[in-house]
Amino acid sequence: MSDVPFTLDQLRILKAIAAEGSFKRAADSLYVSQPAVSLQVQNLEKQLNVPLFDRGGRRAQLTEAGYLLLNYGEQILTLCQETCRAIEDLQNLQGGTLIVGASQTTGTYLLPRMIGLFRQKYPDVSVQLQVHSTRRTSWSVANGQVDLAIIGGEVPAELQDTLQVIPYAEDELALVLPVTHPLAKVQTIQREDLYKLNFIALDSQSTIRKVIDQVLTRCNIDPKRLKIEMELNSIEAIKNAVQAGLGAAFVSTTAIEKELQMKVLHSGTIKDVEIKRNLYVIINPSRYRSKAAEAFAMEILPHFSSKPELLKKELFAKSCDIPDPSTLPTITNDDD
């Protein structure tokens, strides 16, 4: 097999079919016709001399060979994107793309402010923000699909040797109450008062809920004793429910700054208890870090960090290990 038996377009089509579950939806997502997709797959199977899809069912199911090609194909496409971004860097931030990841709370309430500052300084750089669970975000950083991310949960054990995890800031969890609640008029709430309240929380299987329960446990508050009257699927829904007088909740202080200023929510103080969790910056030190990512890390992240000097030191140490494309050796056209 002297020549590469597939093209990048064929790999993109394979990835789209696997993601969409059908040839038709893959064709729609790629803005091409379904016959064109089918023909590319047929040619690819002919070139590889192996079937890539099991055509017996209604959904397009990959064969073992299909899964193998998909796995390597995604890595190839990621490297191609990384190569293009490295070339774009030669324009010295007069273009290019920055991809930032975040877990739910930080992505919703903290990252938009950071991106706003970055865009003021570098308006020609395209910025993408991907907000997912800590686990999915960690894998995106590990695979090179995201430049860097800020997370509030734990990096999956299988990625802890791959990713660099840098302490970033402390995120305080506030007890929020309706402004009309009797405890909103009390200066300090006792720990035992918590068990008498009706609580609104995220779904018990959500990552944020699990993190909050872990933090409460470390503060000697038993989450199993809290009366969860209602479970909702978003922080915004929880804030609105508390504001409507339906119960209390534990919410990140970054998520309620506007509501506290407008005095539509009350943040209660629990005696001798500070409920905080750690936020972390994660990067993949083995991946090329673009100039846009470097600028965001060194110029924007420290503004919101509780340990800016330590953060800069850790980030600078790793940036020195990553080659700048302009310093790479020149390739000549000598025949010998």
C-alpha atoms as a PDB file:
ATOM      1  CA  MET A   1       0.000   0.000   0.000  1.00  0.00           C
ATOM      2  CA  SER A   2       2.419   2.627  -1.278  1.00  0.00           C
ATOM      3  CA  ASP A   3      -0.083   5.493  -1.632  1.00  0.00           C
ATOM      4  CA  VAL A   4      -2.399   6.726   1.122  1.00  0.00           C
ATOM      5  CA  PRO A   5      -5.725   5.012   0.283  1.00  0.00           C
ATOM      6  CA  PHE A   6      -7.995   7.810   1.551  1.00  0.00           C
ATOM      7  CA  THR A   7      -8.441  11.553   1.340  1.00  0.00           C
ATOM      8  CA  LEU A   8      -9.163  14.114   4.050  1.00  0.00           C
ATOM      9  CA  ASP A   9     -12.626  14.629   2.555  1.00  0.00           C
ATOM     10  CA  GLN A  10     -13.338  10.918   2.941  1.00  0.00           C
ATOM     11  CA  LEU A  11     -12.249  11.064   6.581  1.00  0.00           C
ATOM     12  CA  ARG A  12     -14.540  14.049   7.155  1.00  0.00           C
ATOM     13  CA  ILE A  13     -17.426  12.143   5.610  1.00  0.00           C
ATOM     14  CA  LEU A  14     -16.708   9.067   7.744  1.00  0.00           C
ATOM     15  CA  LYS A  15     -16.653  11.250  10.875  1.00  0.00           C
ATOM     16  CA  ALA A  16     -19.917  12.970   9.905  1.00  0.00           C
ATOM     17  CA  ILE A  17     -21.716   9.661   9.283  1.00  0.00           C
ATOM     18  CA  ALA A  18     -20.533   8.295  12.641  1.00  0.00           C
ATOM     19  CA  ALA A  19     -21.699  11.485  14.403  1.00  0.00           C
ATOM     20  CA  GLU A  20     -25.055  11.814  12.620  1.00  0.00           C
ATOM     21  CA  GLY A  21     -25.942   8.102  12.437  1.00  0.00           C
ATOM     22  CA  SER A  22     -27.063   8.172   8.811  1.00  0.00           C
ATOM     23  CA  PHE A  23     -25.734   8.958   5.343  1.00  0.00           C
ATOM     24  CA  LYS A  24     -28.535  11.465   4.685  1.00  0.00           C
ATOM     25  CA  ARG A  25     -27.983  13.519   7.861  1.00  0.00           C
ATOM     26  CA  ALA A  26     -24.224  13.424   7.265  1.00  0.00           C
ATOM     27  CA  ALA A  27     -24.771  14.748   3.730  1.00  0.00           C
ATOM     28  CA  ASP A  28     -26.993  17.543   5.088  1.00  0.00           C
ATOM     29  CA  SER A  29     -24.401  18.525   7.701  1.00  0.00           C
ATOM     30  CA  LEU A  30     -21.685  18.697   5.032  1.00  0.00           C
ATOM     31  CA  TYR A  31     -23.926  20.496   2.484  1.00  0.00           C
ATOM     32  CA  VAL A  32     -23.457  17.825  -0.164  1.00  0.00           C
ATOM     33  CA  SER A  33     -25.836  15.318  -1.758  1.00  0.00           C
ATOM     34  CA  GLN A  34     -26.475  11.902  -0.271  1.00  0.00           C
ATOM     35  CA  PRO A  35     -25.353  10.102  -3.505  1.00  0.00           C
ATOM     36  CA  ALA A  36     -22.034  11.970  -3.274  1.00  0.00           C
ATOM     37  CA  VAL A  37     -21.548  10.731   0.295  1.00  0.00           C
ATOM     38  CA  SER A  38     -22.480   7.167  -0.641  1.00  0.00           C
ATOM     39  CA  LEU A  39     -20.073   7.220  -3.602  1.00  0.00           C
ATOM     40  CA  GLN A  40     -17.190   8.471  -1.433  1.00  0.00           C
ATOM     41  CA  VAL A  41     -17.827   5.686   1.089  1.00  0.00           C
ATOM     42  CA  GLN A  42     -17.977   3.063  -1.673  1.00  0.00           C
ATOM     43  CA  ASN A  43     -14.704   4.317  -3.148  1.00  0.00           C
ATOM     44  CA  LEU A  44     -13.089   4.335   0.299  1.00  0.00           C
ATOM     45  CA  GLU A  45     -14.178   0.741   0.996  1.00  0.00           C
ATOM     46  CA  LYS A  46     -12.893  -0.287  -2.434  1.00  0.00           C
ATOM     47  CA  GLN A  47      -9.534   1.414  -1.845  1.00  0.00           C
ATOM     48  CA  LEU A  48      -9.167  -0.216   1.576  1.00  0.00           C
ATOM     49  CA  ASN A  49     -10.696  -3.523   0.424  1.00  0.00           C
ATOM     50  CA  VAL A  50     -12.741  -3.776   3.627  1.00  0.00           C
ATOM     51  CA  PRO A  51     -16.354  -2.872   4.594  1.00  0.00           C
ATOM     52  CA  LEU A  52     -16.619   0.147   6.909  1.00  0.00           C
ATOM     53  CA  PHE A  53     -20.358   0.030   7.642  1.00  0.00           C
ATOM     54  CA  ASP A  54     -22.814  -2.710   8.549  1.00  0.00           C
ATOM     55  CA  ARG A  55     -25.704  -1.944   6.242  1.00  0.00           C
ATOM     56  CA  GLY A  56     -28.159  -4.377   7.852  1.00  0.00           C
ATOM     57  CA  GLY A  57     -29.827  -1.917  10.249  1.00  0.00           C
ATOM     58  CA  ARG A  58     -31.606   1.429   9.894  1.00  0.00           C
ATOM     59  CA  ARG A  59     -28.762   3.336  11.582  1.00  0.00           C
ATOM     60  CA  ALA A  60     -25.323   3.455   9.974  1.00  0.00           C
ATOM     61  CA  GLN A  61     -23.206   1.183  12.189  1.00  0.00           C
ATOM     62  CA  LEU A  62     -19.441   1.116  11.840  1.00  0.00           C
ATOM     63  CA  THR A  63     -17.657  -2.208  11.476  1.00  0.00           C
ATOM     64  CA  GLU A  64     -14.518  -2.931  13.486  1.00  0.00           C
ATOM     65  CA  ALA A  65     -12.445  -1.622  10.591  1.00  0.00           C
ATOM     66  CA  GLY A  66     -14.684   1.453  10.438  1.00  0.00           C
ATOM     67  CA  TYR A  67     -14.115   2.233  14.109  1.00  0.00           C
ATOM     68  CA  LEU A  68     -10.367   1.801  13.653  1.00  0.00           C
ATOM     69  CA  LEU A  69     -10.284   4.188  10.688  1.00  0.00           C
ATOM     70  CA  LEU A  70     -12.530   6.676  12.518  1.00  0.00           C
ATOM     71  CA  ASN A  71     -10.193   6.705  15.522  1.00  0.00           C
ATOM     72  CA  TYR A  72      -7.102   7.405  13.441  1.00  0.00           C
ATOM     73  CA  GLY A  73      -9.030   9.688  11.106  1.00  0.00           C
ATOM     74  CA  GLU A  74     -10.062  12.003  13.957  1.00  0.00           C
ATOM     75  CA  GLN A  75      -6.431  12.249  15.044  1.00  0.00           C
ATOM     76  CA  ILE A  76      -5.355  13.050  11.470  1.00  0.00           C
ATOM     77  CA  LEU A  77      -8.018  15.757  11.086  1.00  0.00           C
ATOM     78  CA  THR A  78      -7.048  17.280  14.437  1.00  0.00           C
ATOM     79  CA  LEU A  79      -3.396  17.423  13.377  1.00  0.00           C
ATOM     80  CA  CYS A  80      -4.412  19.058  10.096  1.00  0.00           C
ATOM     81  CA  GLN A  81      -6.350  21.738  11.999  1.00  0.00           C
ATOM     82  CA  GLU A  82      -3.394  22.216  14.322  1.00  0.00           C
ATOM     83  CA  THR A  83      -1.074  22.630  11.320  1.00  0.00           C
ATOM     84  CA  CYS A  84      -3.330  25.261   9.754  1.00  0.00           C
ATOM     85  CA  ARG A  85      -3.503  27.191  13.014  1.00  0.00           C
ATOM     86  CA  ALA A  86       0.288  27.117  13.371  1.00  0.00           C
ATOM     87  CA  ILE A  87       0.593  28.583   9.866  1.00  0.00           C
ATOM     88  CA  GLU A  88      -2.010  31.239  10.732  1.00  0.00           C
ATOM     89  CA  ASP A  89       0.176  32.204  13.693  1.00  0.00           C
ATOM     90  CA  LEU A  90       2.786  33.546  11.288  1.00  0.00           C
ATOM     91  CA  GLN A  91       0.418  36.492  10.795  1.00  0.00           C
ATOM     92  CA  ASN A  92       1.107  37.490  14.429  1.00  0.00           C
ATOM     93  CA  LEU A  93      -2.478  37.567  15.781  1.00  0.00           C
ATOM     94  CA  GLN A  94      -3.863  39.298  12.699  1.00  0.00           C
ATOM     95  CA  GLY A  95      -6.234  36.367  12.369  1.00  0.00           C
ATOM     96  CA  GLY A  96      -6.406  32.787  13.558  1.00  0.00           C
ATOM     97  CA  THR A  97      -8.683  31.029  16.025  1.00  0.00           C
ATOM     98  CA  LEU A  98      -8.724  30.553  19.781  1.00  0.00           C
ATOM     99  CA  ILE A  99     -10.773  27.662  21.183  1.00  0.00           C
ATOM    100  CA  VAL A 100     -11.477  27.811  24.922  1.00  0.00           C
ATOM    101  CA  GLY A 101     -13.281  25.161  26.947  1.00  0.00           C
ATOM    102  CA  ALA A 102     -15.083  25.357  30.268  1.00  0.00           C
ATOM    103  CA  SER A 103     -17.343  23.405  32.556  1.00  0.00           C
ATOM    104  CA  GLN A 104     -20.907  24.655  32.924  1.00  0.00           C
ATOM    105  CA  THR A 105     -20.779  27.388  35.586  1.00  0.00           C
ATOM    106  CA  THR A 106     -17.435  28.925  34.561  1.00  0.00           C
ATOM    107  CA  GLY A 107     -18.384  28.747  30.897  1.00  0.00           C
ATOM    108  CA  THR A 108     -21.700  30.485  31.457  1.00  0.00           C
ATOM    109  CA  TYR A 109     -20.690  33.238  33.865  1.00  0.00           C
ATOM    110  CA  LEU A 110     -16.899  33.708  33.896  1.00  0.00           C
ATOM    111  CA  LEU A 111     -15.535  32.954  30.408  1.00  0.00           C
ATOM    112  CA  PRO A 112     -17.701  35.484  28.513  1.00  0.00           C
ATOM    113  CA  ARG A 113     -16.058  38.300  30.503  1.00  0.00           C
ATOM    114  CA  MET A 114     -12.601  36.932  29.722  1.00  0.00           C
ATOM    115  CA  ILE A 115     -13.390  36.580  26.036  1.00  0.00           C
ATOM    116  CA  GLY A 116     -14.733  40.144  25.999  1.00  0.00           C
ATOM    117  CA  LEU A 117     -11.396  41.459  27.306  1.00  0.00           C
ATOM    118  CA  PHE A 118      -9.470  39.349  24.801  1.00  0.00           C
ATOM    119  CA  ARG A 119     -11.577  40.550  21.871  1.00  0.00           C
ATOM    120  CA  GLN A 120     -10.927  44.167  22.841  1.00  0.00           C
ATOM    121  CA  LYS A 121      -7.185  43.550  22.491  1.00  0.00           C
ATOM    122  CA  TYR A 122      -7.268  41.149  19.541  1.00  0.00           C
ATOM    123  CA  PRO A 123     -10.429  41.829  17.485  1.00  0.00           C
ATOM    124  CA  ASP A 124      -9.119  39.911  14.465  1.00  0.00           C
ATOM    125  CA  VAL A 125      -8.865  36.591  16.293  1.00  0.00           C
ATOM    126  CA  SER A 126     -11.896  34.330  16.046  1.00  0.00           C
ATOM    127  CA  VAL A 127     -12.861  32.911  19.469  1.00  0.00           C
ATOM    128  CA  GLN A 128     -14.878  29.768  20.110  1.00  0.00           C
ATOM    129  CA  LEU A 129     -16.178  28.786  23.552  1.00  0.00           C
ATOM    130  CA  GLN A 130     -17.139  25.165  24.188  1.00  0.00           C
ATOM    131  CA  VAL A 131     -19.123  24.554  27.391  1.00  0.00           C
ATOM    132  CA  HIS A 132     -19.454  20.923  28.453  1.00  0.00           C
ATOM    133  CA  SER A 133     -18.965  18.698  31.479  1.00  0.00           C
ATOM    134  CA  THR A 134     -15.531  18.591  33.102  1.00  0.00           C
ATOM    135  CA  ARG A 135     -14.922  15.107  31.705  1.00  0.00           C
ATOM    136  CA  ARG A 136     -15.810  15.983  28.114  1.00  0.00           C
ATOM    137  CA  THR A 137     -13.869  19.268  28.328  1.00  0.00           C
ATOM    138  CA  SER A 138     -10.785  17.434  29.638  1.00  0.00           C
ATOM    139  CA  TRP A 139     -10.878  15.000  26.735  1.00  0.00           C
ATOM    140  CA  SER A 140     -11.250  17.876  24.255  1.00  0.00           C
ATOM    141  CA  VAL A 141      -8.087  19.490  25.657  1.00  0.00           C
ATOM    142  CA  ALA A 142      -6.258  16.154  25.611  1.00  0.00           C
ATOM    143  CA  ASN A 143      -7.234  15.521  21.975  1.00  0.00           C
ATOM    144  CA  GLY A 144      -6.134  18.989  20.850  1.00  0.00           C
ATOM    145  CA  GLN A 145      -9.678  20.104  19.990  1.00  0.00           C
ATOM    146  CA  VAL A 146      -9.531  22.861  22.651  1.00  0.00           C
ATOM    147  CA  ASP A 147      -6.512  25.089  23.390  1.00  0.00           C
ATOM    148  CA  LEU A 148      -7.092  25.420  27.134  1.00  0.00           C
ATOM    149  CA  ALA A 149      -9.967  25.203  29.581  1.00  0.00           C
ATOM    150  CA  ILE A 150     -11.129  26.224  33.040  1.00  0.00           C
ATOM    151  CA  ILE A 151     -12.867  23.502  35.010  1.00  0.00           C
ATOM    152  CA  GLY A 152     -14.373  23.071  38.459  1.00  0.00           C
ATOM    153  CA  GLY A 153     -14.440  19.287  38.692  1.00  0.00           C
ATOM    154  CA  GLU A 154     -11.755  16.615  38.718  1.00  0.00           C
ATOM    155  CA  VAL A 155      -9.779  15.668  35.625  1.00  0.00           C
ATOM    156  CA  PRO A 156     -10.477  12.027  34.696  1.00  0.00           C
ATOM    157  CA  ALA A 157      -7.865   9.714  36.217  1.00  0.00           C
ATOM    158  CA  GLU A 158      -6.803   8.411  32.800  1.00  0.00           C
ATOM    159  CA  LEU A 159      -5.860  11.960  31.683  1.00  0.00           C
ATOM    160  CA  GLN A 160      -3.984  13.162  34.757  1.00  0.00           C
ATOM    161  CA  ASP A 161      -0.610  12.185  33.276  1.00  0.00           C
ATOM    162  CA  THR A 162      -1.490  13.823  29.940  1.00  0.00           C
ATOM    163  CA  LEU A 163      -2.824  17.198  31.045  1.00  0.00           C
ATOM    164  CA  GLN A 164      -1.172  19.937  33.047  1.00  0.00           C
ATOM    165  CA  VAL A 165      -3.568  21.012  35.820  1.00  0.00           C
ATOM    166  CA  ILE A 166      -2.834  24.466  37.272  1.00  0.00           C
ATOM    167  CA  PRO A 167      -4.645  25.886  40.343  1.00  0.00           C
ATOM    168  CA  TYR A 168      -6.513  28.959  39.149  1.00  0.00           C
ATOM    169  CA  ALA A 169      -9.007  30.436  41.617  1.00  0.00           C
ATOM    170  CA  GLU A 170     -11.426  29.686  44.427  1.00  0.00           C
ATOM    171  CA  ASP A 171     -15.108  29.721  43.563  1.00  0.00           C
ATOM    172  CA  GLU A 172     -17.359  30.426  46.543  1.00  0.00           C
ATOM    173  CA  LEU A 173     -20.736  28.712  46.753  1.00  0.00           C
ATOM    174  CA  ALA A 174     -23.402  30.952  48.257  1.00  0.00           C
ATOM    175  CA  LEU A 175     -26.592  29.969  50.032  1.00  0.00           C
ATOM    176  CA  VAL A 176     -29.247  31.937  48.152  1.00  0.00           C
ATOM    177  CA  LEU A 177     -32.693  32.639  49.571  1.00  0.00           C
ATOM    178  CA  PRO A 178     -35.786  34.514  48.421  1.00  0.00           C
ATOM    179  CA  VAL A 179     -35.583  38.097  49.696  1.00  0.00           C
ATOM    180  CA  THR A 180     -38.915  37.519  51.471  1.00  0.00           C
ATOM    181  CA  HIS A 181     -37.686  34.468  53.435  1.00  0.00           C
ATOM    182  CA  PRO A 182     -37.502  34.946  57.232  1.00  0.00           C
ATOM    183  CA  LEU A 183     -33.824  33.872  57.250  1.00  0.00           C
ATOM    184  CA  ALA A 184     -33.039  36.662  54.766  1.00  0.00           C
ATOM    185  CA  LYS A 185     -33.447  39.063  57.706  1.00  0.00           C
ATOM    186  CA  VAL A 186     -31.039  37.102  59.927  1.00  0.00           C
ATOM    187  CA  GLN A 187     -27.398  38.191  59.959  1.00  0.00           C
ATOM    188  CA  THR A 188     -25.954  34.682  60.442  1.00  0.00           C
ATOM    189  CA  ILE A 189     -27.564  31.314  59.716  1.00  0.00           C
ATOM    190  CA  GLN A 190     -26.743  28.292  61.875  1.00  0.00           C
ATOM    191  CA  ARG A 191     -25.624  25.091  60.172  1.00  0.00           C
ATOM    192  CA  GLU A 192     -28.633  23.225  61.594  1.00  0.00           C
ATOM    193  CA  ASP A 193     -31.003  25.768  59.982  1.00  0.00           C
ATOM    194  CA  LEU A 194     -30.043  24.344  56.601  1.00  0.00           C
ATOM    195  CA  TYR A 195     -31.795  21.061  57.313  1.00  0.00           C
ATOM    196  CA  LYS A 196     -35.094  22.900  57.857  1.00  0.00           C
ATOM    197  CA  LEU A 197     -35.055  24.595  54.453  1.00  0.00           C
ATOM    198  CA  ASN A 198     -36.598  23.381  51.218  1.00  0.00           C
ATOM    199  CA  PHE A 199     -33.859  23.214  48.572  1.00  0.00           C
ATOM    200  CA  ILE A 200     -33.797  23.489  44.797  1.00  0.00           C
ATOM    201  CA  ALA A 201     -30.887  21.664  43.164  1.00  0.00           C
ATOM    202  CA  LEU A 202     -29.537  20.372  39.906  1.00  0.00           C
ATOM    203  CA  ASP A 203     -30.179  16.775  38.879  1.00  0.00           C
ATOM    204  CA  SER A 204     -28.374  14.353  41.196  1.00  0.00           C
ATOM    205  CA  GLN A 205     -26.412  12.898  38.258  1.00  0.00           C
ATOM    206  CA  SER A 206     -25.043  16.248  37.068  1.00  0.00           C
ATOM    207  CA  THR A 207     -21.343  16.961  37.541  1.00  0.00           C
ATOM    208  CA  ILE A 208     -21.974  20.318  39.232  1.00  0.00           C
ATOM    209  CA  ARG A 209     -24.378  18.743  41.735  1.00  0.00           C
ATOM    210  CA  LYS A 210     -21.791  16.097  42.628  1.00  0.00           C
ATOM    211  CA  VAL A 211     -19.094  18.744  43.093  1.00  0.00           C
ATOM    212  CA  ILE A 212     -21.382  20.835  45.314  1.00  0.00           C
ATOM    213  CA  ASP A 213     -22.227  17.770  47.435  1.00  0.00           C
ATOM    214  CA  GLN A 214     -18.515  16.991  47.837  1.00  0.00           C
ATOM    215  CA  VAL A 215     -17.758  20.576  48.899  1.00  0.00           C
ATOM    216  CA  LEU A 216     -20.664  20.605  51.391  1.00  0.00           C
ATOM    217  CA  THR A 217     -19.431  17.336  52.895  1.00  0.00           C
ATOM    218  CA  ARG A 218     -15.959  18.827  53.412  1.00  0.00           C
ATOM    219  CA  CYS A 219     -17.651  21.706  55.262  1.00  0.00           C
ATOM    220  CA  ASN A 220     -19.431  19.246  57.605  1.00  0.00           C
ATOM    221  CA  ILE A 221     -22.786  19.791  55.936  1.00  0.00           C
ATOM    222  CA  ASP A 222     -24.534  16.504  55.138  1.00  0.00           C
ATOM    223  CA  PRO A 223     -26.099  16.844  51.654  1.00  0.00           C
ATOM    224  CA  LYS A 224     -28.271  13.772  52.314  1.00  0.00           C
ATOM    225  CA  ARG A 225     -30.038  15.635  55.130  1.00  0.00           C
ATOM    226  CA  LEU A 226     -30.973  18.572  52.915  1.00  0.00           C
ATOM    227  CA  LYS A 227     -34.613  18.490  51.818  1.00  0.00           C
ATOM    228  CA  ILE A 228     -34.465  18.602  48.033  1.00  0.00           C
ATOM    229  CA  GLU A 229     -37.954  19.645  46.985  1.00  0.00           C
ATOM    230  CA  MET A 230     -37.202  20.267  43.328  1.00  0.00           C
ATOM    231  CA  GLU A 231     -34.520  19.327  40.779  1.00  0.00           C
ATOM    232  CA  LEU A 232     -33.960  21.534  37.732  1.00  0.00           C
ATOM    233  CA  ASN A 233     -31.577  21.270  34.789  1.00  0.00           C
ATOM    234  CA  SER A 234     -29.890  24.694  34.800  1.00  0.00           C
ATOM    235  CA  ILE A 235     -28.472  27.326  37.129  1.00  0.00           C
ATOM    236  CA  GLU A 236     -30.693  29.984  35.543  1.00  0.00           C
ATOM    237  CA  ALA A 237     -33.809  27.913  36.270  1.00  0.00           C
ATOM    238  CA  ILE A 238     -32.690  27.470  39.883  1.00  0.00           C
ATOM    239  CA  LYS A 239     -32.104  31.212  40.335  1.00  0.00           C
ATOM    240  CA  ASN A 240     -35.552  31.998  38.931  1.00  0.00           C
ATOM    241  CA  ALA A 241     -37.165  29.391  41.199  1.00  0.00           C
ATOM    242  CA  VAL A 242     -35.471  30.839  44.292  1.00  0.00           C
ATOM    243  CA  GLN A 243     -36.466  34.346  43.246  1.00  0.00           C
ATOM    244  CA  ALA A 244     -40.061  33.108  42.946  1.00  0.00           C
ATOM    245  CA  GLY A 245     -39.943  31.923  46.561  1.00  0.00           C
ATOM    246  CA  LEU A 246     -39.909  28.188  45.853  1.00  0.00           C
ATOM    247  CA  GLY A 247     -36.892  27.374  48.035  1.00  0.00           C
ATOM    248  CA  ALA A 248     -33.202  27.907  48.763  1.00  0.00           C
ATOM    249  CA  ALA A 249     -30.156  26.779  46.769  1.00  0.00           C
ATOM    250  CA  PHE A 250     -26.375  26.645  46.731  1.00  0.00           C
ATOM    251  CA  VAL A 251     -25.077  28.579  43.716  1.00  0.00           C
ATOM    252  CA  SER A 252     -21.665  29.889  42.646  1.00  0.00           C
ATOM    253  CA  THR A 253     -21.226  33.552  43.555  1.00  0.00           C
ATOM    254  CA  THR A 254     -20.139  34.260  39.962  1.00  0.00           C
ATOM    255  CA  ALA A 255     -23.630  33.246  38.831  1.00  0.00           C
ATOM    256  CA  ILE A 256     -25.568  35.650  41.093  1.00  0.00           C
ATOM    257  CA  GLU A 257     -23.605  38.906  40.974  1.00  0.00           C
ATOM    258  CA  LYS A 258     -26.284  40.687  38.935  1.00  0.00           C
ATOM    259  CA  GLU A 259     -29.150  39.383  41.099  1.00  0.00           C
ATOM    260  CA  LEU A 260     -27.413  40.471  44.310  1.00  0.00           C
ATOM    261  CA  GLN A 261     -26.820  43.950  42.894  1.00  0.00           C
ATOM    262  CA  MET A 262     -30.475  44.202  41.911  1.00  0.00           C
ATOM    263  CA  LYS A 263     -31.469  42.811  45.347  1.00  0.00           C
ATOM    264  CA  VAL A 264     -33.783  40.152  43.902  1.00  0.00           C
ATOM    265  CA  LEU A 265     -31.893  37.367  45.713  1.00  0.00           C
ATOM    266  CA  HIS A 266     -30.414  37.194  49.203  1.00  0.00           C
ATOM    267  CA  SER A 267     -27.055  35.533  49.952  1.00  0.00           C
ATOM    268  CA  GLY A 268     -27.033  34.073  53.453  1.00  0.00           C
ATOM    269  CA  THR A 269     -23.987  33.788  55.722  1.00  0.00           C
ATOM    270  CA  ILE A 270     -23.571  30.440  57.503  1.00  0.00           C
ATOM    271  CA  LYS A 271     -21.817  30.694  60.861  1.00  0.00           C
ATOM    272  CA  ASP A 272     -18.207  29.436  60.780  1.00  0.00           C
ATOM    273  CA  VAL A 273     -18.659  28.018  57.266  1.00  0.00           C
ATOM    274  CA  GLU A 274     -17.061  29.108  53.985  1.00  0.00           C
ATOM    275  CA  ILE A 275     -18.108  26.906  51.103  1.00  0.00           C
ATOM    276  CA  LYS A 276     -15.513  27.051  48.338  1.00  0.00           C
ATOM    277  CA  ARG A 277     -14.316  24.894  45.489  1.00  0.00           C
ATOM    278  CA  ASN A 278     -11.147  25.127  43.417  1.00  0.00           C
ATOM    279  CA  LEU A 279     -11.063  26.052  39.754  1.00  0.00           C
ATOM    280  CA  TYR A 280      -8.232  24.831  37.528  1.00  0.00           C
ATOM    281  CA  VAL A 281      -6.725  25.723  34.182  1.00  0.00           C
ATOM    282  CA  ILE A 282      -5.937  22.665  32.087  1.00  0.00           C
ATOM    283  CA  ILE A 283      -3.701  22.487  29.017  1.00  0.00           C
ATOM    284  CA  ASN A 284      -2.041  19.722  27.050  1.00  0.00           C
ATOM    285  CA  PRO A 285       1.698  20.515  27.242  1.00  0.00           C
ATOM    286  CA  SER A 286       2.518  18.156  24.372  1.00  0.00           C
ATOM    287  CA  ARG A 287       0.344  20.101  21.912  1.00  0.00           C
ATOM    288  CA  TYR A 288       1.376  23.197  19.999  1.00  0.00           C
ATOM    289  CA  ARG A 289       0.077  26.315  21.758  1.00  0.00           C
ATOM    290  CA  SER A 290      -0.916  29.012  19.288  1.00  0.00           C
ATOM    291  CA  LYS A 291      -0.023  32.657  19.757  1.00  0.00           C
ATOM    292  CA  ALA A 292      -3.688  33.407  20.356  1.00  0.00           C
ATOM    293  CA  ALA A 293      -3.816  30.794  23.132  1.00  0.00           C
ATOM    294  CA  GLU A 294      -0.536  32.124  24.534  1.00  0.00           C
ATOM    295  CA  ALA A 295      -1.899  35.687  24.618  1.00  0.00           C
ATOM    296  CA  PHE A 296      -5.137  34.588  26.281  1.00  0.00           C
ATOM    297  CA  ALA A 297      -3.269  32.540  28.891  1.00  0.00           C
ATOM    298  CA  MET A 298      -0.659  35.149  29.776  1.00  0.00           C
ATOM    299  CA  GLU A 299      -2.661  38.372  29.390  1.00  0.00           C
ATOM    300  CA  ILE A 300      -6.282  37.522  30.269  1.00  0.00           C
ATOM    301  CA  LEU A 301      -6.314  34.575  32.688  1.00  0.00           C
ATOM    302  CA  PRO A 302      -4.256  36.323  35.415  1.00  0.00           C
ATOM    303  CA  HIS A 303      -6.893  39.093  35.727  1.00  0.00           C
ATOM    304  CA  PHE A 304      -9.378  36.644  37.251  1.00  0.00           C
ATOM    305  CA  SER A 305      -6.959  34.367  39.119  1.00  0.00           C
ATOM    306  CA  SER A 306      -6.494  34.340  42.907  1.00  0.00           C
ATOM    307  CA  LYS A 307      -2.862  33.283  42.294  1.00  0.00           C
ATOM    308  CA  PRO A 308      -1.818  35.267  39.185  1.00  0.00           C
ATOM    309  CA  GLU A 309       1.958  35.053  39.736  1.00  0.00           C
ATOM    310  CA  LEU A 310       1.903  31.278  40.248  1.00  0.00           C
ATOM    311  CA  LEU A 311      -0.323  30.938  37.195  1.00  0.00           C
ATOM    312  CA  LYS A 312       2.038  32.992  35.014  1.00  0.00           C
ATOM    313  CA  LYS A 313       5.026  31.006  36.263  1.00  0.00           C
ATOM    314  CA  GLU A 314       3.401  27.653  35.421  1.00  0.00           C
ATOM    315  CA  LEU A 315       2.164  28.822  32.030  1.00  0.00           C
ATOM    316  CA  PHE A 316       5.471  30.460  31.092  1.00  0.00           C
ATOM    317  CA  ALA A 317       7.439  27.342  32.032  1.00  0.00           C
ATOM    318  CA  LYS A 318       5.358  25.274  29.641  1.00  0.00           C
ATOM    319  CA  SER A 319       5.350  27.854  26.864  1.00  0.00           C
ATOM    320  CA  CYS A 320       9.148  27.643  26.791  1.00  0.00           C
ATOM    321  CA  ASP A 321       8.884  23.937  25.956  1.00  0.00           C
ATOM    322  CA  ILE A 322       6.711  24.474  22.881  1.00  0.00           C
ATOM    323  CA  PRO A 323       8.511  25.477  19.675  1.00  0.00           C
ATOM    324  CA  ASP A 324       7.544  28.679  17.918  1.00  0.00           C
ATOM    325  CA  PRO A 325       7.058  27.910  14.187  1.00  0.00           C
ATOM    326  CA  SER A 326       9.244  30.891  13.273  1.00  0.00           C
ATOM    327  CA  THR A 327      12.212  29.308  15.095  1.00  0.00           C
ATOM    328  CA  LEU A 328      12.021  25.941  13.340  1.00  0.00           C
ATOM    329  CA  PRO A 329      14.932  25.049  11.012  1.00  0.00           C
ATOM    330  CA  THR A 330      14.664  26.122   7.374  1.00  0.00           C
ATOM    331  CA  ILE A 331      14.102  23.341   4.822  1.00  0.00           C
ATOM    332  CA  THR A 332      16.188  23.851   1.661  1.00  0.00           C
ATOM    333  CA  ASN A 333      15.590  22.520  -1.834  1.00  0.00           C
ATOM    334  CA  ASP A 334      19.032  20.898  -2.179  1.00  0.00           C
ATOM    335  CA  ASP A 335      18.874  17.763  -4.297  1.00  0.00           C
ATOM    336  CA  ASP A 336      21.418  15.906  -2.177  1.00  0.00           C
END
